[in-house]
Amino acid sequence: MTLPRTRKWLLGLGLFLGLVALLWIAVARLLPSDEALAQRAAAELEQALGVKVSVGALHWQLRPVPALVLENIASLQPQPIVIKKLTAQLNLAALLQRRVKVDSAELEGAVLPQLSLPALGGKPGAVQGPYRLGVEEVPLARLVFRDVSWITRYGVAIVFAGEVDFDAGWRPRQAQLRRPDFAPATDLSLTRQAQEDRWAVRINLGGGTAHGELQLQTRDQGRLQLGGKLQPRGIEVASALSAFNRTPVISGKASGSTTLSASGQTVIQLAQSVHTQTTFTMGRSALLRFDLDKAMRSAGQERAGKTPLDAVSGQLDTQNTAKGMVVNLTDVKAKSGTLSVSGQAKLAQRQVDAEFAVDLVDGVVGVPLRLSGPINHVKVSVPPGALAGAAVGTAVLPGVGTAIGARVGATLGKIFSPEPAQKSSAASKKQP
């Protein structure tokens, strides 16, 4: 009895191993060679991205689960987009039906230059061939990424990590983006509300938060419209800027409200058109690397130092454009001891253009102050008329007379020494 039973077990084991071998052969026959796959992957990526792509290496990994491993992928651009390693775990059941479904993908190391992204935009799925496969409704279920470097248009590298779980139509069900190894915690998380195109947003930044909601709508001809509202609370501005490798110009905690909007045909176009409007207030804070009192006393010739501020408020607008972000500060009001400052500023393509009035008695007297030039070499100036008026005011009314004279002198200077634009305007009025 023992021998026949043993033979039955051996026969069953042989049949099982034979079936596994047949399945292995079937899968292997479905799968093209590494060289063919590398060529196909490069062609598919070129069609999908609209730029030529090189694939350094590609191979199949059948254990412990079927996976496709791609290494050293690079776009052929002056500043190449680089993916160091991408491992895609394939769904075997879907693969046997000649359909693509990736259960999870892991990206380890990538470089994304901002200036290279606008060139992307091809026709996905344009390549045909003997290994053409269908695509699932949710072709990628989960993406995990680490050591991804975003390179700004000015060469600043910012490293991110995170993960995304996808629903149909590439809608994130849950997502997290974070700055690894940075304190305080700097991260963003999205959670989809049921099956609607609405996401709860939670942002931790600069020791504070900016929670809110985003909504996505699809307009005519598939155009996407993004909108949202955030509530910044207790964000330390200097820390927030440092989290993105930006040099802070002010320190202090800010709170307020933000509205966000964007539109475009693709996610990249959405990102390139993001517009935000933030009304903010700050309590005790400090203007870094700029001594307002010293700048006023030296007519802008000396300004190194700090300026303590009792309060700051205003509106901050940011607009992404093809040439970079444009930042506008309007309705700015700040107080520093007996001085108050009001005005506006614009930052575009790393150039500053700002005008402020520094008042001794709020809303009554003041000295105009202008900041202009590249952000790494800002020029600070006071109009000559204001300096002349300040000297006259000191003689007439010492102390307060300086500020009164400056305001009067600045006004007279504008009347008798108008800007070139004003001259041309006046000249045009005289012509018949």
Protein backbone atom coordinates (compact mmCIF):
# COMPACT_ATOMS: atom_id res chain seq x y z
CA MET A 1 0.00 0.00 0.00
CA THR A 2 2.81 2.35 0.81
CA LEU A 3 4.49 2.04 -2.60
CA PRO A 4 1.38 2.77 -4.74
CA ARG A 5 0.52 5.71 -2.47
CA THR A 6 4.05 7.05 -2.84
CA ARG A 7 3.78 6.68 -6.62
CA LYS A 8 0.50 8.64 -6.55
CA TRP A 9 2.16 11.46 -4.61
CA LEU A 10 5.10 11.48 -7.01
CA LEU A 11 2.73 11.46 -9.98
CA GLY A 12 0.74 14.35 -8.49
CA LEU A 13 3.92 16.30 -7.77
CA GLY A 14 5.12 15.65 -11.31
CA LEU A 15 1.85 16.89 -12.78
CA PHE A 16 2.02 20.03 -10.62
CA LEU A 17 5.62 20.74 -11.61
CA GLY A 18 4.68 20.12 -15.23
CA LEU A 19 1.84 22.64 -15.01
CA VAL A 20 4.17 25.19 -13.40
CA ALA A 21 6.68 24.60 -16.19
CA LEU A 22 4.01 25.04 -18.85
CA LEU A 23 2.82 28.22 -17.17
CA TRP A 24 6.40 29.47 -16.98
CA ILE A 25 6.91 28.72 -20.67
CA ALA A 26 3.61 30.43 -21.56
CA VAL A 27 4.55 33.55 -19.61
CA ALA A 28 8.07 33.51 -21.09
CA ARG A 29 6.66 33.26 -24.62
CA LEU A 30 4.38 36.19 -23.90
CA LEU A 31 7.33 38.22 -22.72
CA PRO A 32 9.73 39.59 -25.33
CA SER A 33 13.48 39.72 -24.80
CA ASP A 34 15.11 42.40 -22.68
CA GLU A 35 16.58 44.06 -25.78
CA ALA A 36 13.22 44.14 -27.55
CA LEU A 37 11.54 45.46 -24.42
CA ALA A 38 14.17 48.20 -24.01
CA GLN A 39 13.62 49.35 -27.60
CA ARG A 40 9.85 49.20 -27.18
CA ALA A 41 9.98 51.07 -23.87
CA ALA A 42 12.11 53.84 -25.40
CA ALA A 43 9.69 54.13 -28.36
CA GLU A 44 6.62 54.19 -26.10
CA LEU A 45 8.16 56.80 -23.82
CA GLU A 46 9.17 58.94 -26.80
CA GLN A 47 5.57 58.86 -28.07
CA ALA A 48 4.13 59.53 -24.62
CA LEU A 49 6.53 62.35 -23.71
CA GLY A 50 7.16 63.94 -27.11
CA VAL A 51 10.97 63.84 -26.68
CA LYS A 52 13.58 61.19 -27.45
CA VAL A 53 14.34 58.83 -24.57
CA SER A 54 17.16 56.41 -23.81
CA VAL A 55 16.71 53.31 -21.62
CA GLY A 56 19.95 52.11 -20.01
CA ALA A 57 18.78 48.67 -18.93
CA LEU A 58 15.59 46.65 -18.71
CA HIS A 59 14.95 43.14 -17.46
CA TRP A 60 12.20 40.89 -16.20
CA GLN A 61 12.02 39.67 -12.63
CA LEU A 62 9.69 36.66 -12.28
CA ARG A 63 10.28 35.91 -8.59
CA PRO A 64 8.88 36.46 -6.00
CA VAL A 65 6.33 38.24 -8.20
CA PRO A 66 6.49 39.22 -11.89
CA ALA A 67 8.14 42.62 -12.18
CA LEU A 68 9.69 44.79 -14.83
CA VAL A 69 12.85 46.66 -13.81
CA LEU A 70 14.01 49.72 -15.77
CA GLU A 71 17.24 51.55 -15.01
CA ASN A 72 18.87 54.79 -16.14
CA ILE A 73 16.02 56.21 -18.20
CA ALA A 74 16.81 59.69 -19.53
CA SER A 75 15.19 62.17 -21.86
CA LEU A 76 17.56 63.53 -24.51
CA GLN A 77 17.31 67.20 -23.54
CA PRO A 78 19.84 69.88 -22.52
CA GLN A 79 18.70 69.23 -18.93
CA PRO A 80 17.60 65.58 -19.05
CA ILE A 81 14.79 64.13 -17.00
CA VAL A 82 16.36 61.08 -15.34
CA ILE A 83 14.86 58.01 -13.65
CA LYS A 84 17.57 55.95 -11.98
CA LYS A 85 15.50 52.85 -11.20
CA LEU A 86 11.83 51.95 -11.63
CA THR A 87 10.45 48.57 -10.52
CA ALA A 88 6.91 47.75 -11.66
CA GLN A 89 5.18 44.73 -10.10
CA LEU A 90 2.82 43.34 -12.74
CA ASN A 91 -0.51 41.62 -12.17
CA LEU A 92 0.02 38.06 -13.49
CA ALA A 93 -3.67 37.33 -14.20
CA ALA A 94 -3.99 40.49 -16.30
CA LEU A 95 -0.68 39.78 -18.04
CA LEU A 96 -1.86 36.30 -19.12
CA GLN A 97 -4.83 38.06 -20.75
CA ARG A 98 -2.37 40.38 -22.54
CA ARG A 99 -3.41 43.35 -20.47
CA VAL A 100 -1.23 45.74 -18.49
CA LYS A 101 -1.98 46.20 -14.82
CA VAL A 102 0.72 47.32 -12.39
CA ASP A 103 -0.10 46.45 -8.80
CA SER A 104 2.65 48.74 -7.52
CA ALA A 105 5.63 50.67 -8.83
CA GLU A 106 8.67 51.81 -6.89
CA LEU A 107 10.78 54.69 -8.13
CA GLU A 108 14.23 55.02 -6.56
CA GLY A 109 16.05 58.18 -7.58
CA ALA A 110 14.97 60.70 -10.20
CA VAL A 111 15.87 64.18 -11.43
CA LEU A 112 13.11 66.47 -12.71
CA PRO A 113 14.38 69.80 -14.11
CA GLN A 114 11.59 72.37 -14.22
CA LEU A 115 12.86 73.83 -17.51
CA SER A 116 12.57 70.44 -19.25
CA LEU A 117 8.92 69.76 -18.39
CA PRO A 118 7.28 72.22 -20.85
CA ALA A 119 8.72 70.22 -23.78
CA LEU A 120 6.76 67.13 -22.74
CA GLY A 121 3.51 66.26 -24.44
CA GLY A 122 3.14 63.45 -26.94
CA LYS A 123 0.55 60.88 -28.01
CA PRO A 124 0.36 57.95 -25.57
CA GLY A 125 -0.31 54.59 -27.14
CA ALA A 126 0.81 55.53 -30.65
CA VAL A 127 3.31 52.67 -30.96
CA GLN A 128 2.05 49.40 -32.49
CA GLY A 129 3.83 46.07 -32.67
CA PRO A 130 3.70 42.34 -32.02
CA TYR A 131 3.67 42.82 -28.26
CA ARG A 132 0.88 45.40 -28.11
CA LEU A 133 -1.05 44.96 -24.85
CA GLY A 134 -4.34 46.35 -23.61
CA VAL A 135 -4.49 48.68 -20.61
CA GLU A 136 -6.61 48.30 -17.48
CA GLU A 137 -8.98 51.02 -16.25
CA VAL A 138 -6.60 51.50 -13.31
CA PRO A 139 -3.25 50.61 -14.94
CA LEU A 140 -1.26 51.62 -11.85
CA ALA A 141 -2.65 50.96 -8.38
CA ARG A 142 0.17 52.37 -6.23
CA LEU A 143 3.31 54.43 -6.77
CA VAL A 144 6.04 54.84 -4.16
CA PHE A 145 8.91 57.25 -4.83
CA ARG A 146 12.09 58.18 -3.01
CA ASP A 147 15.00 60.55 -3.63
CA VAL A 148 13.23 62.56 -6.34
CA SER A 149 15.03 65.87 -7.00
CA TRP A 150 13.02 68.78 -8.38
CA ILE A 151 15.42 71.26 -10.04
CA THR A 152 14.05 74.79 -10.21
CA ARG A 153 14.65 77.00 -13.24
CA TYR A 154 17.49 78.62 -11.31
CA GLY A 155 19.22 75.34 -10.46
CA VAL A 156 18.02 74.85 -6.88
CA ALA A 157 17.52 71.15 -6.03
CA ILE A 158 14.67 70.11 -3.70
CA VAL A 159 14.39 66.44 -2.73
CA PHE A 160 10.97 64.80 -2.24
CA ALA A 161 9.55 61.40 -1.32
CA GLY A 162 6.02 60.05 -1.11
CA GLU A 163 3.37 57.65 -2.33
CA VAL A 164 0.11 57.73 -4.32
CA ASP A 165 -2.81 55.27 -4.54
CA PHE A 166 -4.78 55.71 -7.77
CA ASP A 167 -8.43 55.39 -8.75
CA ALA A 168 -9.67 55.28 -12.36
CA GLY A 169 -8.73 58.23 -14.56
CA TRP A 170 -5.46 58.71 -12.62
CA ARG A 171 -7.44 60.26 -9.73
CA PRO A 172 -5.38 60.00 -6.51
CA ARG A 173 -7.36 58.18 -3.83
CA GLN A 174 -4.71 58.99 -1.26
CA ALA A 175 -1.39 60.74 -1.72
CA GLN A 176 1.44 62.10 0.36
CA LEU A 177 4.38 64.33 -0.62
CA ARG A 178 7.07 65.12 1.94
CA ARG A 179 10.50 66.68 2.38
CA PRO A 180 12.49 63.86 3.98
CA ASP A 181 14.87 64.54 6.86
CA PHE A 182 13.64 68.11 7.33
CA ALA A 183 12.46 69.51 10.66
CA PRO A 184 9.87 70.69 11.43
CA ALA A 185 7.80 68.20 9.41
CA THR A 186 7.08 69.45 5.88
CA ASP A 187 4.48 67.41 4.02
CA LEU A 188 1.24 67.46 2.04
CA SER A 189 -1.45 64.77 2.05
CA LEU A 190 -4.57 64.36 -0.11
CA THR A 191 -7.60 62.20 0.67
CA ARG A 192 -10.32 61.79 -1.95
CA GLN A 193 -13.89 62.41 -0.81
CA ALA A 194 -15.85 59.27 -1.86
CA GLN A 195 -15.71 59.07 -5.69
CA GLU A 196 -16.02 62.82 -6.18
CA ASP A 197 -13.29 64.99 -7.63
CA ARG A 198 -12.74 66.62 -4.25
CA TRP A 199 -9.78 66.10 -1.93
CA ALA A 200 -9.20 67.03 1.68
CA VAL A 201 -5.79 68.71 1.93
CA ARG A 202 -3.57 68.65 5.00
CA ILE A 203 -0.30 70.60 4.91
CA ASN A 204 2.32 70.76 7.66
CA LEU A 205 4.80 73.57 7.04
CA GLY A 206 7.04 75.77 9.15
CA GLY A 207 5.67 74.36 12.40
CA GLY A 208 2.13 75.35 11.38
CA THR A 209 -0.60 74.05 9.11
CA ALA A 210 -2.51 74.97 5.95
CA HIS A 211 -5.48 72.61 5.75
CA GLY A 212 -8.32 72.91 3.25
CA GLU A 213 -9.90 71.35 0.17
CA LEU A 214 -9.23 71.05 -3.59
CA GLN A 215 -11.79 70.51 -6.36
CA LEU A 216 -11.22 69.41 -9.95
CA GLN A 217 -13.71 70.02 -12.76
CA THR A 218 -13.60 68.91 -16.38
CA ARG A 219 -14.71 71.60 -18.82
CA ASP A 220 -15.39 71.53 -22.56
CA GLN A 221 -12.91 69.56 -24.69
CA GLY A 222 -11.46 67.93 -21.59
CA ARG A 223 -9.97 71.11 -20.14
CA LEU A 224 -9.24 70.77 -16.42
CA GLN A 225 -10.13 73.44 -13.86
CA LEU A 226 -8.63 73.24 -10.36
CA GLY A 227 -9.83 75.32 -7.42
CA GLY A 228 -9.37 75.26 -3.69
CA LYS A 229 -9.16 77.03 -0.36
CA LEU A 230 -6.55 76.70 2.39
CA GLN A 231 -6.32 78.14 5.90
CA PRO A 232 -2.68 78.88 6.85
CA ARG A 233 -2.24 78.87 10.62
CA GLY A 234 0.91 79.69 12.62
CA ILE A 235 3.41 79.11 9.79
CA GLU A 236 6.93 80.30 10.59
CA VAL A 237 7.81 82.00 7.31
CA ALA A 238 11.60 81.67 7.54
CA SER A 239 11.34 77.94 8.25
CA ALA A 240 8.80 77.46 5.45
CA LEU A 241 11.10 79.11 2.89
CA SER A 242 14.13 77.16 4.14
CA ALA A 243 12.18 73.91 3.64
CA PHE A 244 12.33 74.61 -0.11
CA ASN A 245 15.93 75.87 -0.10
CA ARG A 246 14.83 79.48 -0.46
CA THR A 247 16.60 82.30 1.37
CA PRO A 248 14.17 83.81 3.89
CA VAL A 249 13.70 87.59 3.99
CA ILE A 250 11.42 87.73 7.03
CA SER A 251 10.86 85.64 10.15
CA GLY A 252 7.67 85.33 12.16
CA LYS A 253 4.46 83.32 12.22
CA ALA A 254 1.84 84.01 9.56
CA SER A 255 -1.86 83.12 9.42
CA GLY A 256 -4.57 83.95 6.92
CA SER A 257 -6.63 82.49 4.07
CA THR A 258 -5.63 81.29 0.60
CA THR A 259 -7.57 80.67 -2.59
CA LEU A 260 -6.03 78.60 -5.37
CA SER A 261 -6.91 78.16 -9.04
CA ALA A 262 -5.40 76.59 -12.18
CA SER A 263 -6.48 75.38 -15.60
CA GLY A 264 -5.05 73.33 -18.46
CA GLN A 265 -5.37 70.24 -20.61
CA THR A 266 -2.84 68.22 -18.59
CA VAL A 267 -1.50 67.95 -15.06
CA ILE A 268 1.70 69.70 -16.17
CA GLN A 269 -0.32 72.61 -17.58
CA LEU A 270 -2.28 72.79 -14.33
CA ALA A 271 0.95 73.06 -12.35
CA GLN A 272 2.31 75.73 -14.72
CA SER A 273 -0.78 77.93 -14.30
CA VAL A 274 -1.35 77.79 -10.54
CA HIS A 275 -2.50 81.12 -9.12
CA THR A 276 -2.79 81.77 -5.38
CA GLN A 277 -4.15 84.72 -3.41
CA THR A 278 -3.33 84.91 0.29
CA THR A 279 -4.46 87.51 2.78
CA PHE A 280 -2.10 87.27 5.76
CA THR A 281 -1.27 88.75 9.13
CA MET A 282 1.85 88.39 11.25
CA GLY A 283 2.55 89.41 14.84
CA ARG A 284 6.01 90.08 16.19
CA SER A 285 8.50 89.33 13.44
CA ALA A 286 11.75 90.57 11.93
CA LEU A 287 12.95 91.76 8.55
CA LEU A 288 16.17 89.82 7.96
CA ARG A 289 19.36 91.31 6.51
CA PHE A 290 17.77 94.78 6.25
CA ASP A 291 17.97 97.55 8.85
CA LEU A 292 15.19 99.99 7.99
CA ASP A 293 16.39 102.70 10.36
CA LYS A 294 19.95 102.52 9.01
CA ALA A 295 18.69 102.60 5.41
CA MET A 296 16.62 105.71 6.08
CA ARG A 297 19.45 107.57 7.87
CA SER A 298 21.93 106.76 5.07
CA ALA A 299 19.51 107.27 2.15
CA GLY A 300 19.87 103.59 1.28
CA GLN A 301 23.68 103.48 1.32
CA GLU A 302 23.82 101.33 4.47
CA ARG A 303 21.25 98.67 5.33
CA ALA A 304 22.95 95.56 6.77
CA GLY A 305 21.23 94.24 9.88
CA LYS A 306 17.70 93.40 11.02
CA THR A 307 14.49 95.30 11.58
CA PRO A 308 12.21 94.16 14.40
CA LEU A 309 8.54 94.41 13.42
CA ASP A 310 5.55 94.64 15.74
CA ALA A 311 3.01 93.55 13.11
CA VAL A 312 2.75 92.89 9.36
CA SER A 313 -0.27 92.41 7.10
CA GLY A 314 -1.00 92.38 3.38
CA GLN A 315 -1.95 90.28 0.38
CA LEU A 316 0.40 87.86 -1.37
CA ASP A 317 -0.41 86.80 -4.95
CA THR A 318 1.60 84.18 -6.83
CA GLN A 319 1.17 83.27 -10.50
CA ASN A 320 3.04 80.48 -12.26
CA THR A 321 3.95 81.42 -15.83
CA ALA A 322 6.07 80.00 -18.67
CA LYS A 323 8.89 82.28 -17.46
CA GLY A 324 8.60 81.39 -13.79
CA MET A 325 6.59 82.51 -10.81
CA VAL A 326 5.51 86.13 -10.45
CA VAL A 327 4.98 87.28 -6.86
CA ASN A 328 3.02 90.41 -5.97
CA LEU A 329 2.74 91.88 -2.49
CA THR A 330 0.04 94.52 -2.17
CA ASP A 331 -1.55 96.53 0.62
CA VAL A 332 1.49 95.84 2.81
CA LYS A 333 1.39 97.46 6.24
CA ALA A 334 4.04 97.01 8.90
CA LYS A 335 4.93 98.67 12.21
CA SER A 336 8.32 98.91 13.84
CA GLY A 337 8.39 100.99 17.00
CA THR A 338 7.48 104.58 16.08
CA LEU A 339 7.78 103.83 12.34
CA SER A 340 5.09 102.40 10.09
CA VAL A 341 5.58 101.16 6.52
CA SER A 342 3.09 100.79 3.70
CA GLY A 343 3.50 99.92 0.04
CA GLN A 344 3.77 97.15 -2.53
CA ALA A 345 6.37 94.92 -4.16
CA LYS A 346 6.78 92.67 -7.19
CA LEU A 347 9.22 89.80 -7.72
CA ALA A 348 9.59 88.30 -11.20
CA GLN A 349 12.52 86.50 -12.83
CA ARG A 350 14.58 87.18 -9.70
CA GLN A 351 14.11 90.95 -10.08
CA VAL A 352 12.62 93.10 -7.29
CA ASP A 353 10.57 96.24 -7.86
CA ALA A 354 9.10 97.74 -4.69
CA GLU A 355 7.91 101.09 -3.40
CA PHE A 356 7.21 101.86 0.25
CA ALA A 357 6.40 104.89 2.37
CA VAL A 358 8.03 105.00 5.80
CA ASP A 359 5.92 107.08 8.15
CA LEU A 360 6.87 108.61 11.49
CA VAL A 361 3.25 109.32 12.38
CA ASP A 362 0.99 106.74 10.73
CA GLY A 363 -0.74 108.17 7.66
CA VAL A 364 0.51 111.73 8.23
CA VAL A 365 4.16 112.00 7.24
CA GLY A 366 6.56 109.73 5.43
CA VAL A 367 9.69 109.15 3.35
CA PRO A 368 9.36 107.24 0.05
CA LEU A 369 11.67 104.24 -0.24
CA ARG A 370 12.34 102.29 -3.45
CA LEU A 371 13.89 98.83 -3.83
CA SER A 372 14.91 97.55 -7.26
CA GLY A 373 17.28 95.21 -9.04
CA PRO A 374 18.25 91.51 -8.81
CA ILE A 375 17.40 89.81 -5.53
CA ASN A 376 21.07 89.11 -4.78
CA HIS A 377 21.98 92.79 -5.24
CA VAL A 378 18.95 94.95 -4.42
CA LYS A 379 19.41 98.70 -4.76
CA VAL A 380 17.75 100.85 -2.10
CA SER A 381 17.12 104.51 -2.87
CA VAL A 382 15.32 107.58 -1.60
CA PRO A 383 14.23 110.24 -4.17
CA PRO A 384 16.49 113.35 -4.12
CA GLY A 385 13.45 115.58 -3.51
CA ALA A 386 12.72 113.71 -0.31
CA LEU A 387 16.27 114.23 0.97
CA ALA A 388 16.14 117.94 0.16
CA GLY A 389 12.76 118.26 1.85
CA ALA A 390 14.05 116.42 4.90
CA ALA A 391 16.89 118.93 5.27
CA VAL A 392 14.45 121.87 5.01
CA GLY A 393 12.07 120.22 7.46
CA THR A 394 14.85 119.73 10.00
CA ALA A 395 15.64 123.44 9.92
CA VAL A 396 11.98 124.45 10.26
CA LEU A 397 10.88 121.87 12.78
CA PRO A 398 13.63 119.71 14.32
CA GLY A 399 12.80 116.03 14.83
CA VAL A 400 9.35 115.62 13.33
CA GLY A 401 10.24 118.30 10.76
CA THR A 402 12.60 115.84 9.07
CA ALA A 403 9.79 113.47 8.18
CA ILE A 404 7.38 116.28 7.26
CA GLY A 405 10.00 117.88 5.03
CA ALA A 406 10.71 114.55 3.38
CA ARG A 407 7.06 114.07 2.45
CA VAL A 408 6.79 117.66 1.13
CA GLY A 409 10.10 117.35 -0.71
CA ALA A 410 9.05 114.09 -2.36
CA THR A 411 5.82 115.69 -3.56
CA LEU A 412 7.65 118.72 -4.98
CA GLY A 413 10.17 116.39 -6.60
CA LYS A 414 7.38 114.58 -8.46
CA ILE A 415 5.94 117.88 -9.66
CA PHE A 416 9.18 119.41 -10.93
CA SER A 417 11.01 116.18 -11.86
CA PRO A 418 8.37 113.87 -13.34
CA GLU A 419 9.11 110.32 -14.46
CA PRO A 420 9.91 109.78 -18.19
CA ALA A 421 6.49 108.16 -18.67
CA GLN A 422 4.84 111.27 -17.28
CA LYS A 423 6.88 113.47 -19.61
CA SER A 424 5.84 111.50 -22.67
CA SER A 425 2.23 111.61 -21.51
CA ALA A 426 2.34 115.39 -21.07
CA ALA A 427 4.01 115.83 -24.46
CA SER A 428 1.35 113.74 -26.17
CA LYS A 429 -1.37 115.94 -24.70
CA LYS A 430 0.22 119.06 -26.26
CA GLN A 431 0.20 117.57 -29.74
CA PRO A 432 -2.85 118.57 -31.82
